[in-house]
Amino acid sequence: MTAPDSYAALRHSFVRSFAIGRFAAIAGWQMINVAVGWLLYERTAGAWSLGLVGVAELTPVLFLMVIAGNAADRYPRRNIGIFAHAVLTLAATGLALLSYFNGPTWAIYALLFMVGTARAFASPSVNTILPQLLPPAEFANANAWLSSTFQLAAITGPAIGGMLIAATGAATVSFALAAVGQFVFILMLRTMPVRMPPAHHSAQRDGGPSGSRRSASEVFAGFRFVRANPLFLSAITLDLFAVLFGGAVALLPIFAKDILQVGPAGLGYLRAAPGVGALSMALITTRLTPWQRPGTILLWAVAGFGLATIGFGLSRSFALSLFCLFLTGVFDNISVVIRLTLEQTITPDHLRGRVSAINYVFIGFSNEFGAFESGATAALFGPTLSVVGGGFATLLVVAMVRGVWPQLARIGPLHTLTPAQSVEVTQREAAATESV
């Protein structure tokens, strides 16, 4: 048996450019998260203010999901990505100015709303650029390497952001460096080839006219596709509720300042710990052959994420807390790679923007509304009970998904699936379940 080529995706120059730019952008975004959390908690000393960060970023995503997804399937995705990250550059610059001049708190939330708007358009466009350029057999390898760069950014971004706050006593420099990171990604995107989505044929496949104006059937074709593919629906549902209940990231400023008492530098390390775990797992994944039972692995990974979250909530040791967060990153990376590869494999290119937008709403909802849920429950019951309870809820979600979609645990290697085969597998499994 021939050993897998661990560097298959990186042999393409456009993949390398994309990875470099995405690293800079994600590192900058992580700096924004650390700096905003610390700045708001310093000003308000309230868990509610941290929870509202998620609401400010999620609201525009919910309203713009359909528009952003259709735009990614109608116009060059690279150009939409450039526009979105230009808006992110302006938002980060505005946050730096607000921090420097001690601007009003409401303006911080307004700029976070702007961040959410930009990310609503960035995700379905940027995340579907490479599937236009790579063969399906290289999707998993590309996702593993991109996950590696993402997690490396998730390590360095929070650590640098926290240390800059500790060194300067303010969040200004962190926000300014975040703006630079978004601009670097813009430069890298400009070096990539432009591909027009297959718009002339997508209208007929979606059941609508081929004219310039899209019908309602075309606009909502992504929803129909997700509904017809319960394998993908089960995967994103698992991720949605696991992160919604099990995410403890929004409360890290409270744990860093009041519970573990490690200050802004310690906050940076806490934010970086999941990235260290995810990067370690991502690098291992690049050298593995395709998993034979990815659905089963996905269920076990999310269960491990819940257990590690419980451990973090109960820990009063800085070292143990770092280790538990490290484990959440390990398990989360497995989930991300499987889910992204499943999405890219079974989704036709003319629908990828719309399906990616739906996926981003699931992920954005779990992350941003999860931040609000964490802040709300922490304000009512305390941070420890909020995190521990969320971990137990994650375990319950795994059991429920396993019961509702038993076919998820039985799927074979993802690269062997096609859209038609994924529906066929689901129907066959459902018929077998009913006969029993």
Protein backbone atom coordinates (compact mmCIF):
# COMPACT_ATOMS: atom_id res chain seq x y z
CA MET A 1 0.00 0.00 0.00
CA THR A 2 1.42 3.37 -1.04
CA ALA A 3 2.03 5.83 1.81
CA PRO A 4 -0.07 9.01 1.58
CA ASP A 5 1.62 12.17 0.28
CA SER A 6 1.58 14.37 3.38
CA TYR A 7 2.43 17.48 1.34
CA ALA A 8 0.11 16.95 -1.63
CA ALA A 9 -1.92 20.13 -1.13
CA LEU A 10 1.07 22.29 -0.24
CA ARG A 11 2.70 21.52 -3.58
CA HIS A 12 0.26 24.03 -5.12
CA SER A 13 1.51 27.61 -4.88
CA PHE A 14 -2.01 29.00 -4.44
CA VAL A 15 -2.54 26.75 -1.40
CA ARG A 16 0.66 28.08 0.16
CA SER A 17 -0.38 31.70 -0.48
CA PHE A 18 -3.82 31.04 0.96
CA ALA A 19 -2.35 29.37 4.07
CA ILE A 20 0.05 32.27 4.74
CA GLY A 21 -2.64 34.91 4.36
CA ARG A 22 -5.18 32.98 6.38
CA PHE A 23 -2.65 32.55 9.18
CA ALA A 24 -2.18 36.33 9.36
CA ALA A 25 -5.93 36.99 9.28
CA ILE A 26 -6.82 34.39 11.92
CA ALA A 27 -4.00 35.51 14.21
CA GLY A 28 -5.36 39.04 13.94
CA TRP A 29 -8.90 37.90 14.64
CA GLN A 30 -7.71 36.02 17.72
CA MET A 31 -5.96 39.17 18.93
CA ILE A 32 -9.26 41.03 18.57
CA ASN A 33 -11.03 38.38 20.65
CA VAL A 34 -8.47 38.53 23.46
CA ALA A 35 -8.26 42.32 23.46
CA VAL A 36 -12.04 42.87 23.34
CA GLY A 37 -12.66 40.38 26.15
CA TRP A 38 -10.05 41.94 28.40
CA LEU A 39 -11.07 45.53 27.55
CA LEU A 40 -14.77 44.95 28.25
CA TYR A 41 -14.23 42.99 31.44
CA GLU A 42 -11.84 45.66 32.71
CA ARG A 43 -14.47 48.32 32.06
CA THR A 44 -17.57 46.50 33.27
CA ALA A 45 -16.38 43.63 35.52
CA GLY A 46 -19.51 41.76 34.34
CA ALA A 47 -20.04 38.43 32.61
CA TRP A 48 -22.97 39.90 30.65
CA SER A 49 -20.65 42.22 28.74
CA LEU A 50 -18.65 39.21 27.52
CA GLY A 51 -21.80 37.40 26.45
CA LEU A 52 -22.98 40.39 24.43
CA VAL A 53 -19.84 40.14 22.29
CA GLY A 54 -21.30 36.99 20.76
CA VAL A 55 -24.66 38.65 20.15
CA ALA A 56 -23.05 41.62 18.38
CA GLU A 57 -21.07 39.36 16.03
CA LEU A 58 -23.79 36.78 15.42
CA THR A 59 -26.74 39.07 14.61
CA PRO A 60 -25.49 40.22 11.18
CA VAL A 61 -24.58 36.64 10.28
CA LEU A 62 -28.16 35.48 10.80
CA PHE A 63 -29.59 38.29 8.67
CA LEU A 64 -27.00 38.08 5.89
CA MET A 65 -26.63 34.30 5.57
CA VAL A 66 -28.76 33.91 2.43
CA ILE A 67 -27.32 37.01 0.73
CA ALA A 68 -23.70 36.08 1.46
CA GLY A 69 -24.10 32.47 0.35
CA ASN A 70 -25.73 33.45 -2.93
CA ALA A 71 -23.07 36.08 -3.57
CA ALA A 72 -20.35 33.42 -3.19
CA ASP A 73 -22.09 31.25 -5.80
CA ARG A 74 -22.65 34.16 -8.21
CA TYR A 75 -19.47 36.26 -8.16
CA PRO A 76 -15.71 35.53 -7.91
CA ARG A 77 -15.18 34.26 -4.38
CA ARG A 78 -11.69 35.72 -4.18
CA ASN A 79 -13.01 39.23 -4.80
CA ILE A 80 -15.72 38.89 -2.13
CA GLY A 81 -13.07 37.68 0.31
CA ILE A 82 -10.92 40.74 -0.43
CA PHE A 83 -13.86 43.06 0.21
CA ALA A 84 -14.81 41.29 3.47
CA HIS A 85 -11.29 41.44 4.88
CA ALA A 86 -10.99 45.10 3.90
CA VAL A 87 -14.01 45.72 6.14
CA LEU A 88 -12.34 43.69 8.90
CA THR A 89 -9.22 45.85 8.51
CA LEU A 90 -11.30 48.99 9.03
CA ALA A 91 -13.10 47.49 12.04
CA ALA A 92 -9.83 46.50 13.74
CA THR A 93 -8.44 49.97 13.10
CA GLY A 94 -11.56 51.49 14.64
CA LEU A 95 -11.18 49.32 17.75
CA ALA A 96 -7.57 50.46 18.09
CA LEU A 97 -8.69 54.09 17.98
CA LEU A 98 -11.47 53.47 20.53
CA SER A 99 -9.00 51.83 22.87
CA TYR A 100 -6.45 54.61 22.49
CA PHE A 101 -8.94 57.45 23.00
CA ASN A 102 -11.02 55.55 25.59
CA GLY A 103 -14.11 55.66 23.41
CA PRO A 104 -17.61 54.65 24.59
CA THR A 105 -18.47 51.01 25.20
CA TRP A 106 -21.45 51.08 22.81
CA ALA A 107 -19.05 51.96 19.97
CA ILE A 108 -17.07 48.79 20.69
CA TYR A 109 -20.19 46.71 20.18
CA ALA A 110 -20.99 48.66 17.01
CA LEU A 111 -17.61 47.76 15.56
CA LEU A 112 -18.08 44.14 16.62
CA PHE A 113 -21.33 44.21 14.63
CA MET A 114 -19.21 45.40 11.70
CA VAL A 115 -16.83 42.48 12.31
CA GLY A 116 -19.77 40.08 12.22
CA THR A 117 -20.99 41.58 8.96
CA ALA A 118 -17.60 41.14 7.32
CA ARG A 119 -17.25 37.58 8.56
CA ALA A 120 -20.72 36.72 7.22
CA PHE A 121 -19.43 37.42 3.69
CA ALA A 122 -15.88 36.17 4.26
CA SER A 123 -16.76 32.66 5.38
CA PRO A 124 -18.83 31.31 2.43
CA SER A 125 -16.48 32.93 -0.09
CA VAL A 126 -13.05 32.30 1.42
CA ASN A 127 -13.85 28.77 2.61
CA THR A 128 -14.95 27.70 -0.88
CA ILE A 129 -12.05 29.07 -2.93
CA LEU A 130 -9.75 26.04 -2.69
CA PRO A 131 -12.42 23.42 -3.53
CA GLN A 132 -12.70 25.18 -6.91
CA LEU A 133 -8.98 24.68 -7.51
CA LEU A 134 -8.17 21.27 -5.99
CA PRO A 135 -9.19 17.72 -6.91
CA PRO A 136 -11.50 16.05 -4.32
CA ALA A 137 -8.81 13.53 -3.37
CA GLU A 138 -6.74 16.40 -1.91
CA PHE A 139 -9.54 18.02 0.12
CA ALA A 140 -8.73 16.17 3.35
CA ASN A 141 -5.00 16.88 3.10
CA ALA A 142 -5.64 20.57 2.34
CA ASN A 143 -8.07 20.83 5.26
CA ALA A 144 -5.54 19.24 7.60
CA TRP A 145 -2.83 21.72 6.58
CA LEU A 146 -5.19 24.69 6.68
CA SER A 147 -6.36 23.56 10.08
CA SER A 148 -2.70 23.47 11.11
CA THR A 149 -2.16 27.08 10.04
CA PHE A 150 -5.45 28.06 11.67
CA GLN A 151 -4.41 26.50 14.96
CA LEU A 152 -0.90 27.95 14.77
CA ALA A 153 -2.60 31.33 14.44
CA ALA A 154 -4.91 30.40 17.32
CA ILE A 155 -1.79 29.80 19.42
CA THR A 156 0.30 32.81 18.48
CA GLY A 157 -2.54 35.32 18.14
CA PRO A 158 -3.89 35.08 21.71
CA ALA A 159 -0.42 34.72 23.23
CA ILE A 160 0.89 37.83 21.44
CA GLY A 161 -2.31 39.74 22.14
CA GLY A 162 -2.20 38.91 25.86
CA MET A 163 1.49 39.77 26.17
CA LEU A 164 1.00 43.09 24.38
CA ILE A 165 -1.79 44.02 26.77
CA ALA A 166 0.40 43.04 29.74
CA ALA A 167 3.35 45.02 28.36
CA THR A 168 1.51 48.17 27.33
CA GLY A 169 -1.38 48.15 29.79
CA ALA A 170 -3.87 48.68 26.95
CA ALA A 171 -5.42 46.81 24.03
CA THR A 172 -4.53 49.39 21.38
CA VAL A 173 -1.46 47.67 19.91
CA SER A 174 -3.24 44.31 19.74
CA PHE A 175 -6.06 45.83 17.69
CA ALA A 176 -3.60 47.63 15.40
CA LEU A 177 -1.63 44.43 14.75
CA ALA A 178 -4.91 42.64 14.04
CA ALA A 179 -5.63 45.18 11.30
CA VAL A 180 -2.24 44.44 9.75
CA GLY A 181 -3.07 40.73 9.72
CA GLN A 182 -6.27 41.30 7.74
CA PHE A 183 -4.38 43.45 5.23
CA VAL A 184 -1.79 40.70 4.71
CA PHE A 185 -4.56 38.26 3.80
CA ILE A 186 -5.88 40.76 1.25
CA LEU A 187 -2.44 40.84 -0.39
CA MET A 188 -2.27 37.03 -0.50
CA LEU A 189 -5.77 36.72 -1.97
CA ARG A 190 -4.78 39.09 -4.76
CA THR A 191 -2.11 36.59 -5.88
CA MET A 192 -4.62 33.76 -6.30
CA PRO A 193 -6.37 32.82 -9.56
CA VAL A 194 -9.92 34.08 -10.08
CA ARG A 195 -12.61 31.49 -10.75
CA MET A 196 -16.19 32.37 -11.63
CA PRO A 197 -18.74 30.02 -10.05
CA PRO A 198 -20.57 27.94 -12.70
CA ALA A 199 -23.54 30.32 -12.58
CA HIS A 200 -24.82 29.63 -16.08
CA HIS A 201 -25.50 25.99 -15.26
CA SER A 202 -26.33 26.25 -11.58
CA ALA A 203 -29.70 27.88 -12.22
CA GLN A 204 -30.96 24.92 -14.22
CA ARG A 205 -29.60 22.41 -11.69
CA ASP A 206 -31.23 24.30 -8.83
CA GLY A 207 -34.59 24.24 -10.57
CA GLY A 208 -34.70 27.93 -11.52
CA PRO A 209 -34.34 29.97 -14.70
CA SER A 210 -30.95 30.65 -16.21
CA GLY A 211 -31.42 34.40 -16.36
CA SER A 212 -29.55 36.98 -14.36
CA ARG A 213 -32.18 37.20 -11.61
CA ARG A 214 -32.30 34.23 -9.28
CA SER A 215 -35.60 32.65 -8.31
CA ALA A 216 -36.56 31.83 -4.74
CA SER A 217 -35.89 28.19 -5.58
CA GLU A 218 -32.27 29.00 -6.40
CA VAL A 219 -31.78 31.30 -3.42
CA PHE A 220 -32.79 28.59 -0.96
CA ALA A 221 -31.26 25.66 -2.85
CA GLY A 222 -28.61 25.31 -0.14
CA PHE A 223 -31.27 24.58 2.48
CA ARG A 224 -32.79 21.89 0.28
CA PHE A 225 -29.41 20.30 -0.24
CA VAL A 226 -28.62 20.18 3.49
CA ARG A 227 -32.07 18.79 4.26
CA ALA A 228 -31.56 16.04 1.64
CA ASN A 229 -28.19 15.07 3.17
CA PRO A 230 -28.77 14.02 6.79
CA LEU A 231 -25.16 12.84 7.05
CA PHE A 232 -23.99 16.45 6.77
CA LEU A 233 -26.92 17.74 8.81
CA SER A 234 -26.07 15.38 11.66
CA ALA A 235 -22.41 16.46 11.60
CA ILE A 236 -23.12 20.19 11.80
CA THR A 237 -25.89 19.63 14.38
CA LEU A 238 -23.39 17.78 16.55
CA ASP A 239 -20.92 20.62 16.21
CA LEU A 240 -23.57 23.28 16.80
CA PHE A 241 -24.80 22.05 20.15
CA ALA A 242 -21.44 20.75 21.36
CA VAL A 243 -19.79 24.16 21.00
CA LEU A 244 -22.97 25.98 22.07
CA PHE A 245 -22.98 24.20 25.42
CA GLY A 246 -19.36 23.12 25.78
CA GLY A 247 -17.46 26.25 24.77
CA ALA A 248 -15.74 27.97 27.70
CA VAL A 249 -13.70 30.48 25.68
CA ALA A 250 -15.96 33.48 26.38
CA LEU A 251 -15.42 33.09 30.14
CA LEU A 252 -11.63 32.86 30.02
CA PRO A 253 -11.17 36.49 31.13
CA ILE A 254 -13.06 35.63 34.34
CA PHE A 255 -11.02 32.48 34.94
CA ALA A 256 -7.76 34.31 34.20
CA LYS A 257 -8.46 37.31 36.43
CA ASP A 258 -10.61 36.02 39.29
CA ILE A 259 -10.28 32.23 39.55
CA LEU A 260 -6.76 31.30 38.40
CA GLN A 261 -5.40 34.85 38.98
CA VAL A 262 -2.89 34.77 36.13
CA GLY A 263 -3.58 38.22 34.55
CA PRO A 264 -3.68 39.20 30.86
CA ALA A 265 -0.56 37.22 29.95
CA GLY A 266 -2.13 34.11 31.49
CA LEU A 267 -5.31 34.86 29.54
CA GLY A 268 -3.27 34.79 26.35
CA TYR A 269 -1.85 31.37 27.27
CA LEU A 270 -5.32 30.05 28.14
CA ARG A 271 -6.66 31.25 24.79
CA ALA A 272 -3.66 29.67 23.02
CA ALA A 273 -3.87 26.25 24.73
CA PRO A 274 -6.71 24.87 22.55
CA GLY A 275 -4.73 25.97 19.50
CA VAL A 276 -1.67 24.03 20.67
CA GLY A 277 -3.78 20.91 21.00
CA ALA A 278 -5.50 21.42 17.66
CA LEU A 279 -2.22 22.12 15.87
CA SER A 280 -0.69 18.96 17.29
CA MET A 281 -3.65 16.90 16.12
CA ALA A 282 -3.75 18.62 12.71
CA LEU A 283 -0.10 17.80 12.03
CA ILE A 284 -0.75 14.18 12.98
CA THR A 285 -3.79 14.11 10.68
CA THR A 286 -1.69 15.13 7.65
CA ARG A 287 0.24 11.85 8.02
CA LEU A 288 -2.74 9.56 8.54
CA THR A 289 -4.54 7.52 5.91
CA PRO A 290 -8.24 8.39 5.55
CA TRP A 291 -10.28 7.23 8.51
CA GLN A 292 -12.37 4.15 7.71
CA ARG A 293 -15.17 5.16 10.14
CA PRO A 294 -15.02 8.97 10.37
CA GLY A 295 -18.54 9.24 11.79
CA THR A 296 -17.68 7.08 14.80
CA ILE A 297 -14.47 9.04 15.35
CA LEU A 298 -16.47 12.28 15.17
CA LEU A 299 -18.86 11.12 17.93
CA TRP A 300 -15.99 10.06 20.20
CA ALA A 301 -14.13 13.33 19.54
CA VAL A 302 -17.10 15.49 20.58
CA ALA A 303 -17.59 13.35 23.69
CA GLY A 304 -13.92 13.91 24.55
CA PHE A 305 -14.44 17.65 24.04
CA GLY A 306 -17.24 17.58 26.62
CA LEU A 307 -15.15 15.67 29.16
CA ALA A 308 -12.20 18.04 28.75
CA THR A 309 -14.54 21.01 29.24
CA ILE A 310 -15.78 19.53 32.51
CA GLY A 311 -12.18 19.11 33.64
CA PHE A 312 -11.39 22.75 32.88
CA GLY A 313 -14.42 24.00 34.77
CA LEU A 314 -13.45 22.06 37.90
CA SER A 315 -9.72 22.87 37.76
CA ARG A 316 -8.12 25.42 40.06
CA SER A 317 -4.61 24.71 38.81
CA PHE A 318 -3.24 26.80 35.97
CA ALA A 319 -1.27 23.85 34.56
CA LEU A 320 -4.27 21.50 34.70
CA SER A 321 -6.48 24.16 33.12
CA LEU A 322 -4.02 24.55 30.26
CA PHE A 323 -3.96 20.77 29.76
CA CYS A 324 -7.75 20.50 29.67
CA LEU A 325 -7.96 23.33 27.14
CA PHE A 326 -5.21 21.58 25.15
CA LEU A 327 -7.45 18.49 24.98
CA THR A 328 -10.45 20.52 23.83
CA GLY A 329 -8.30 21.66 20.90
CA VAL A 330 -7.26 18.10 20.05
CA PHE A 331 -10.84 16.87 19.93
CA ASP A 332 -12.19 19.98 18.20
CA ASN A 333 -9.63 19.67 15.40
CA ILE A 334 -10.76 16.13 14.63
CA SER A 335 -14.34 17.38 14.41
CA VAL A 336 -13.44 20.32 12.17
CA VAL A 337 -11.42 18.29 9.65
CA ILE A 338 -14.10 15.60 9.34
CA ARG A 339 -16.95 18.10 9.02
CA LEU A 340 -15.20 20.32 6.44
CA THR A 341 -14.08 17.36 4.34
CA LEU A 342 -17.61 15.93 4.42
CA GLU A 343 -19.05 19.28 3.31
CA GLN A 344 -16.58 19.77 0.47
CA THR A 345 -16.85 16.18 -0.77
CA ILE A 346 -20.62 15.87 -1.05
CA THR A 347 -21.44 19.45 -2.12
CA PRO A 348 -21.49 20.36 -5.85
CA ASP A 349 -19.41 23.45 -6.61
CA HIS A 350 -22.40 25.50 -7.78
CA LEU A 351 -23.90 25.13 -4.27
CA ARG A 352 -20.78 25.42 -2.15
CA GLY A 353 -21.25 29.10 -1.31
CA ARG A 354 -24.82 28.64 -0.13
CA VAL A 355 -24.08 25.44 1.80
CA SER A 356 -20.98 27.02 3.35
CA ALA A 357 -23.09 30.00 4.46
CA ILE A 358 -25.51 27.63 6.21
CA ASN A 359 -22.60 25.82 7.79
CA TYR A 360 -21.14 29.12 8.97
CA VAL A 361 -24.45 30.07 10.58
CA PHE A 362 -24.36 26.79 12.49
CA ILE A 363 -20.76 27.41 13.55
CA GLY A 364 -21.29 31.12 14.17
CA PHE A 365 -24.43 30.41 16.15
CA SER A 366 -22.62 27.85 18.29
CA ASN A 367 -19.61 30.09 18.89
CA GLU A 368 -21.22 33.51 19.22
CA PHE A 369 -24.53 32.56 20.81
CA GLY A 370 -22.56 30.06 22.88
CA ALA A 371 -20.58 33.04 24.18
CA PHE A 372 -23.83 34.72 25.15
CA GLU A 373 -25.12 31.51 26.76
CA SER A 374 -21.88 31.18 28.73
CA GLY A 375 -22.01 34.79 29.87
CA ALA A 376 -25.68 34.55 30.83
CA THR A 377 -25.34 31.31 32.80
CA ALA A 378 -22.14 32.56 34.45
CA ALA A 379 -23.95 35.72 35.56
CA LEU A 380 -26.79 33.65 37.00
CA PHE A 381 -25.01 30.59 38.40
CA GLY A 382 -21.30 31.42 38.39
CA PRO A 383 -18.56 30.58 35.86
CA THR A 384 -17.73 27.13 37.25
CA LEU A 385 -21.28 25.79 37.05
CA SER A 386 -21.68 27.33 33.60
CA VAL A 387 -18.65 25.50 32.19
CA VAL A 388 -19.20 22.17 33.95
CA GLY A 389 -22.90 22.12 33.07
CA GLY A 390 -22.03 22.86 29.46
CA GLY A 391 -19.65 19.89 29.36
CA PHE A 392 -22.34 17.51 30.60
CA ALA A 393 -24.79 18.97 28.06
CA THR A 394 -22.27 18.18 25.31
CA LEU A 395 -22.19 14.53 26.34
CA LEU A 396 -25.98 14.46 26.20
CA VAL A 397 -25.92 15.94 22.69
CA VAL A 398 -23.57 13.18 21.50
CA ALA A 399 -25.96 10.52 22.79
CA MET A 400 -28.95 12.20 21.13
CA VAL A 401 -27.24 12.61 17.73
CA ARG A 402 -26.11 8.98 17.86
CA GLY A 403 -29.71 7.93 18.45
CA VAL A 404 -31.38 10.20 15.86
CA TRP A 405 -28.83 9.62 13.06
CA PRO A 406 -27.33 6.13 13.54
CA GLN A 407 -26.10 6.19 9.92
CA LEU A 408 -23.48 8.79 10.87
CA ALA A 409 -21.48 6.17 12.77
CA ARG A 410 -21.55 3.78 9.79
CA ILE A 411 -20.22 5.90 6.91
CA GLY A 412 -16.95 4.89 5.28
CA PRO A 413 -13.99 7.01 4.08
CA LEU A 414 -15.20 10.49 3.16
CA HIS A 415 -13.31 10.78 -0.12
CA THR A 416 -15.37 7.88 -1.50
CA LEU A 417 -18.68 9.75 -1.04
CA THR A 418 -20.52 11.81 -3.64
CA PRO A 419 -23.73 13.85 -3.18
CA ALA A 420 -25.85 11.07 -4.66
CA GLN A 421 -24.09 8.38 -2.63
CA SER A 422 -24.53 10.30 0.62
CA VAL A 423 -28.30 10.45 0.10
CA GLU A 424 -28.34 6.78 -0.91
CA VAL A 425 -26.43 5.78 2.22
CA THR A 426 -28.87 7.72 4.39
CA GLN A 427 -31.93 6.21 2.73
CA ARG A 428 -30.52 2.69 2.96
CA GLU A 429 -29.67 3.10 6.65
CA ALA A 430 -33.09 4.59 7.38
CA ALA A 431 -34.83 1.66 5.68
CA ALA A 432 -32.73 -0.81 7.64
CA THR A 433 -33.57 0.94 10.89
CA GLU A 434 -37.30 0.92 10.13
CA SER A 435 -37.25 -2.79 9.26
CA VAL A 436 -35.71 -3.56 12.63
